[in-house]
Amino acid sequence: MDLNLQGKIAFVTGASKGIGREVATKLANEGVDVVITARGEEALAKTAAEISAETGRRVVAQAGDMSDFADVQRCVDAAIAEFGRIDILVTCAGSSPGGLLEELTDDQWMQSLNLKFMGYVRTVRAVVPHMVERGSGAIVLVVGNDGLKPSFWEMTAGAANAADLNFASSVADQYGPKGIRVNTVNPGPVDTDRWDGLEKAFARDMGVDQAEARRRAEASIPLGRITQPQEVAALVTFLASDLAGSVHGAHIPIDGAQRKALMER
């Protein structure tokens, strides 16, 4: 299937590993030149070189912290200077600490909201004027299914992700008439380094070993398996393409129909 993405320019946050890296790779394989951001400069540069070698596309690394608007603006300005435009924005940067209410600190709540919510707000705010100027653009926020399906162990993520969903709906209403499509993709457990860390933390808080934590996660998913990052990347890439031209303001789960409560029993 030709997604007609050849020659587009994408800006992908949180792209040095995990879902963000897979999104950048998939877009580049579809003929997109990509600017990737993350906080770790060395890992980001290595990722850019590897994706470029694999796909033959230009992949530019711009190290930056999405919790700092000046950093966000600097990275976006560098992308515009390099390519002249941004056609596609995908936000993947940010994780939220898991934990039980009585153990979560104010700092952990603020960490989640500052990066996973405000980091997305900052990035969209920096990119969208350039899309408005061109009269077109596709924005895909990779959020999380705990914004749609509450989980008592994932409260900080759920709060930030629910805010992201509301934000995305509002932006879709405002900028759809200007030719900019906005959607969210909402994974459950995804087989990445980040999920491994969350699995360990879940095991700790539930008083079980990691194997049991994994079993509970899989048992909460009717398909019986953890989603692969390549699957999330494929959905994001489709939503960024013109083939999804009427998909706008949607919040799409990609979680095997997970039932969160089953994981926490």
Protein backbone atom coordinates (compact mmCIF):
# COMPACT_ATOMS: atom_id res chain seq x y z
CA MET A 1 0.00 0.00 0.00
CA ASP A 2 1.45 3.36 -1.05
CA LEU A 3 0.91 5.87 1.75
CA ASN A 4 2.03 8.75 -0.48
CA LEU A 5 4.46 10.03 2.15
CA GLN A 6 7.51 10.29 -0.10
CA GLY A 7 9.31 13.60 0.43
CA LYS A 8 7.38 14.64 3.56
CA ILE A 9 9.16 16.08 6.59
CA ALA A 10 8.45 14.72 10.08
CA PHE A 11 9.36 15.88 13.57
CA VAL A 12 9.33 13.03 16.12
CA THR A 13 9.94 13.49 19.84
CA GLY A 14 11.21 10.81 22.21
CA ALA A 15 12.77 9.08 19.23
CA SER A 16 16.06 7.67 20.50
CA LYS A 17 14.43 4.38 21.52
CA GLY A 18 11.16 2.54 21.97
CA ILE A 19 8.01 3.62 20.15
CA GLY A 20 9.53 6.93 19.00
CA ARG A 21 12.44 5.19 17.31
CA GLU A 22 10.11 2.73 15.56
CA VAL A 23 7.90 5.61 14.37
CA ALA A 24 10.91 7.47 12.95
CA THR A 25 12.13 4.29 11.26
CA LYS A 26 8.74 3.48 9.75
CA LEU A 27 8.28 7.02 8.45
CA ALA A 28 11.77 7.01 6.93
CA ASN A 29 11.03 3.66 5.27
CA GLU A 30 8.03 5.36 3.67
CA GLY A 31 10.26 8.06 2.16
CA VAL A 32 9.99 10.69 4.88
CA ASP A 33 12.95 12.81 6.05
CA VAL A 34 12.86 12.98 9.84
CA VAL A 35 14.05 15.26 12.62
CA ILE A 36 14.28 13.24 15.84
CA THR A 37 14.55 14.60 19.37
CA ALA A 38 15.35 13.18 22.80
CA ARG A 39 17.35 14.28 25.81
CA GLY A 40 20.35 11.95 25.37
CA GLU A 41 22.54 13.46 22.66
CA GLU A 42 24.84 10.45 22.14
CA ALA A 43 22.04 7.87 21.89
CA LEU A 44 20.04 10.19 19.64
CA ALA A 45 22.94 10.71 17.21
CA LYS A 46 23.52 6.94 17.07
CA THR A 47 19.83 6.33 16.37
CA ALA A 48 19.77 8.95 13.59
CA ALA A 49 22.79 7.39 11.91
CA GLU A 50 21.33 3.89 12.11
CA ILE A 51 17.92 4.87 10.73
CA SER A 52 19.51 6.86 7.91
CA ALA A 53 21.79 3.94 6.98
CA GLU A 54 18.83 1.54 7.00
CA THR A 55 16.41 3.71 5.02
CA GLY A 56 18.53 6.04 2.91
CA ARG A 57 16.61 9.07 4.17
CA ARG A 58 17.91 12.18 5.91
CA VAL A 59 17.52 11.78 9.66
CA VAL A 60 18.61 14.77 11.71
CA ALA A 61 19.21 14.53 15.47
CA GLN A 62 18.28 17.52 17.63
CA ALA A 63 18.89 16.82 21.31
CA GLY A 64 16.43 18.66 23.52
CA ASP A 65 14.32 18.43 26.65
CA MET A 66 10.59 18.67 25.96
CA SER A 67 10.01 19.85 29.54
CA ASP A 68 11.74 23.12 28.58
CA PHE A 69 9.91 25.33 26.06
CA ALA A 70 13.12 27.07 25.00
CA ASP A 71 14.57 23.66 24.11
CA VAL A 72 11.42 22.70 22.22
CA GLN A 73 11.45 25.95 20.26
CA ARG A 74 15.15 25.59 19.47
CA CYS A 75 14.62 22.07 18.07
CA VAL A 76 11.62 23.14 15.99
CA ASP A 77 13.48 26.19 14.66
CA ALA A 78 16.41 23.95 13.69
CA ALA A 79 14.05 21.61 11.82
CA ILE A 80 12.52 24.52 9.90
CA ALA A 81 15.99 25.87 9.11
CA GLU A 82 17.08 22.43 7.85
CA PHE A 83 14.02 21.46 5.80
CA GLY A 84 11.86 24.57 5.46
CA ARG A 85 8.72 22.94 6.85
CA ILE A 86 7.24 20.26 9.11
CA ASP A 87 4.48 18.19 7.53
CA ILE A 88 4.09 15.61 10.30
CA LEU A 89 4.45 15.94 14.06
CA VAL A 90 4.55 12.85 16.28
CA THR A 91 5.00 13.24 20.04
CA CYS A 92 6.34 10.24 21.94
CA ALA A 93 8.52 11.91 24.59
CA GLY A 94 7.74 11.32 28.20
CA SER A 95 6.93 8.65 30.71
CA SER A 96 5.07 8.73 33.99
CA PRO A 97 5.94 6.97 37.24
CA GLY A 98 3.68 4.14 38.30
CA GLY A 99 2.72 3.69 41.90
CA LEU A 100 0.00 3.66 44.53
CA LEU A 101 -1.66 6.87 45.69
CA GLU A 102 -0.27 6.78 49.22
CA GLU A 103 3.29 6.39 47.92
CA LEU A 104 3.30 8.91 45.05
CA THR A 105 4.99 12.23 45.84
CA ASP A 106 4.12 15.70 44.59
CA ASP A 107 7.34 15.63 42.57
CA GLN A 108 6.25 12.45 40.80
CA TRP A 109 2.86 13.95 39.94
CA MET A 110 4.52 17.10 38.61
CA GLN A 111 7.10 15.06 36.67
CA SER A 112 4.28 13.26 34.87
CA LEU A 113 2.26 16.38 34.12
CA ASN A 114 5.27 18.50 33.11
CA LEU A 115 6.66 16.06 30.57
CA LYS A 116 3.83 13.83 29.39
CA PHE A 117 1.22 16.60 29.24
CA MET A 118 2.96 19.97 29.08
CA GLY A 119 5.74 18.53 26.90
CA TYR A 120 3.09 17.69 24.31
CA VAL A 121 1.48 21.11 24.67
CA ARG A 122 4.83 22.85 24.20
CA THR A 123 5.69 20.82 21.11
CA VAL A 124 2.34 21.34 19.40
CA ARG A 125 2.44 25.04 20.26
CA ALA A 126 5.85 25.39 18.63
CA VAL A 127 5.02 23.43 15.47
CA VAL A 128 1.43 24.36 14.68
CA PRO A 129 2.08 27.95 13.47
CA HIS A 130 4.28 26.56 10.69
CA MET A 131 1.52 24.14 9.66
CA VAL A 132 -1.05 26.95 9.72
CA GLU A 133 1.17 29.00 7.43
CA ARG A 134 1.25 26.14 4.90
CA GLY A 135 -2.43 25.23 5.37
CA SER A 136 -1.75 21.56 6.04
CA GLY A 137 -0.26 19.14 8.53
CA ALA A 138 -0.80 15.92 10.45
CA ILE A 139 -0.29 15.70 14.21
CA VAL A 140 -0.29 12.37 16.02
CA LEU A 141 0.10 12.33 19.78
CA VAL A 142 1.19 8.95 21.17
CA VAL A 143 -0.57 9.09 24.51
CA GLY A 144 -1.64 5.90 26.31
CA ASN A 145 -4.70 3.82 27.03
CA ASP A 146 -4.68 4.77 30.71
CA GLY A 147 -6.07 8.13 29.59
CA LEU A 148 -9.14 6.19 28.42
CA LYS A 149 -9.12 3.30 30.91
CA PRO A 150 -8.39 4.33 34.51
CA SER A 151 -5.87 2.30 36.49
CA PHE A 152 -5.20 2.81 40.19
CA TRP A 153 -1.52 1.91 39.72
CA GLU A 154 -1.11 4.28 36.75
CA MET A 155 -2.73 7.39 38.24
CA THR A 156 -0.04 9.89 37.24
CA ALA A 157 0.01 8.60 33.67
CA GLY A 158 -3.79 8.47 33.55
CA ALA A 159 -4.10 12.09 34.67
CA ALA A 160 -1.50 13.35 32.17
CA ASN A 161 -2.89 11.22 29.35
CA ALA A 162 -6.50 12.25 29.98
CA ALA A 163 -5.32 15.86 29.80
CA ASP A 164 -3.55 15.05 26.51
CA LEU A 165 -6.76 13.63 25.06
CA ASN A 166 -8.75 16.71 26.01
CA PHE A 167 -5.99 18.94 24.63
CA ALA A 168 -5.88 17.00 21.35
CA SER A 169 -9.66 17.25 20.93
CA SER A 170 -9.51 20.99 21.50
CA VAL A 171 -6.64 21.45 19.05
CA ALA A 172 -8.50 19.32 16.49
CA ASP A 173 -11.52 21.63 16.75
CA GLN A 174 -9.40 24.75 16.42
CA TYR A 175 -7.04 23.72 13.63
CA GLY A 176 -9.07 21.27 11.54
CA PRO A 177 -10.55 24.17 9.54
CA LYS A 178 -6.96 25.28 8.82
CA GLY A 179 -6.10 21.95 7.18
CA ILE A 180 -4.38 20.32 10.16
CA ARG A 181 -5.48 16.86 11.28
CA VAL A 182 -4.97 15.89 14.92
CA ASN A 183 -5.33 12.38 16.35
CA THR A 184 -4.07 10.38 19.30
CA VAL A 185 -2.80 6.81 19.45
CA ASN A 186 -3.23 5.09 22.80
CA PRO A 187 -1.16 1.99 23.46
CA GLY A 188 -1.43 -0.29 26.44
CA PRO A 189 1.65 -2.31 27.41
CA VAL A 190 4.25 -2.17 24.61
CA ASP A 191 7.32 -4.39 24.58
CA THR A 192 10.01 -1.73 25.12
CA ASP A 193 12.67 -0.91 27.71
CA ARG A 194 10.19 1.47 29.32
CA TRP A 195 7.61 -1.29 29.76
CA ASP A 196 10.28 -3.51 31.33
CA GLY A 197 10.88 -0.80 33.94
CA LEU A 198 7.16 -0.38 34.58
CA GLU A 199 6.77 -4.13 34.90
CA LYS A 200 9.49 -4.22 37.56
CA ALA A 201 7.86 -1.34 39.45
CA PHE A 202 4.43 -3.00 39.22
CA ALA A 203 5.88 -6.24 40.58
CA ARG A 204 7.44 -4.33 43.48
CA ASP A 205 4.23 -2.52 44.42
CA MET A 206 2.02 -5.59 44.05
CA GLY A 207 4.40 -7.83 46.01
CA VAL A 208 4.99 -10.31 43.18
CA ASP A 209 7.94 -11.21 40.96
CA GLN A 210 8.36 -9.81 37.46
CA ALA A 211 7.23 -13.03 35.80
CA GLU A 212 3.91 -12.77 37.64
CA ALA A 213 3.63 -9.08 36.71
CA ARG A 214 4.10 -10.06 33.05
CA ARG A 215 1.51 -12.84 33.37
CA ARG A 216 -1.02 -10.40 34.85
CA ALA A 217 -0.42 -7.90 32.06
CA GLU A 218 -0.91 -10.55 29.40
CA ALA A 219 -3.98 -11.92 31.17
CA SER A 220 -5.56 -8.44 31.09
CA ILE A 221 -5.36 -8.44 27.27
CA PRO A 222 -7.90 -10.62 25.41
CA LEU A 223 -5.35 -11.15 22.62
CA GLY A 224 -3.03 -12.56 25.26
CA ARG A 225 0.14 -10.73 24.29
CA ILE A 226 2.00 -7.45 24.73
CA THR A 227 1.86 -5.06 21.75
CA GLN A 228 5.06 -4.64 19.72
CA PRO A 229 6.40 -1.10 19.07
CA GLN A 230 6.37 -1.76 15.31
CA GLU A 231 2.58 -2.18 15.50
CA VAL A 232 2.17 1.23 17.12
CA ALA A 233 4.50 2.77 14.53
CA ALA A 234 2.44 1.31 11.68
CA LEU A 235 -0.75 2.90 13.04
CA VAL A 236 0.95 6.26 13.60
CA THR A 237 2.36 6.23 10.06
CA PHE A 238 -1.04 5.47 8.56
CA LEU A 239 -2.62 8.34 10.52
CA ALA A 240 0.10 10.67 9.26
CA SER A 241 -0.71 9.77 5.66
CA ASP A 242 -3.30 11.17 3.26
CA LEU A 243 -5.03 7.77 3.28
CA ALA A 244 -6.29 8.77 6.73
CA GLY A 245 -7.48 12.12 5.37
CA SER A 246 -10.88 11.92 7.10
CA VAL A 247 -9.55 10.62 10.43
CA HIS A 248 -9.52 13.67 12.65
CA GLY A 249 -10.07 14.23 16.35
CA ALA A 250 -9.93 10.48 17.00
CA HIS A 251 -8.50 8.71 20.06
CA ILE A 252 -7.50 5.27 18.86
CA PRO A 253 -6.57 2.50 21.34
CA ILE A 254 -3.98 -0.08 20.31
CA ASP A 255 -3.94 -2.37 23.31
CA GLY A 256 -5.56 -5.68 22.34
CA ALA A 257 -8.73 -4.51 24.17
CA GLN A 258 -6.91 -4.52 27.50
CA ARG A 259 -9.00 -4.58 30.68
CA LYS A 260 -6.89 -2.70 33.23
CA ALA A 261 -8.73 -4.02 36.28
CA LEU A 262 -7.71 -7.58 35.45
CA MET A 263 -4.03 -6.63 35.71
CA GLU A 264 -4.41 -5.14 39.18
CA ARG A 265 -6.22 -8.03 40.83
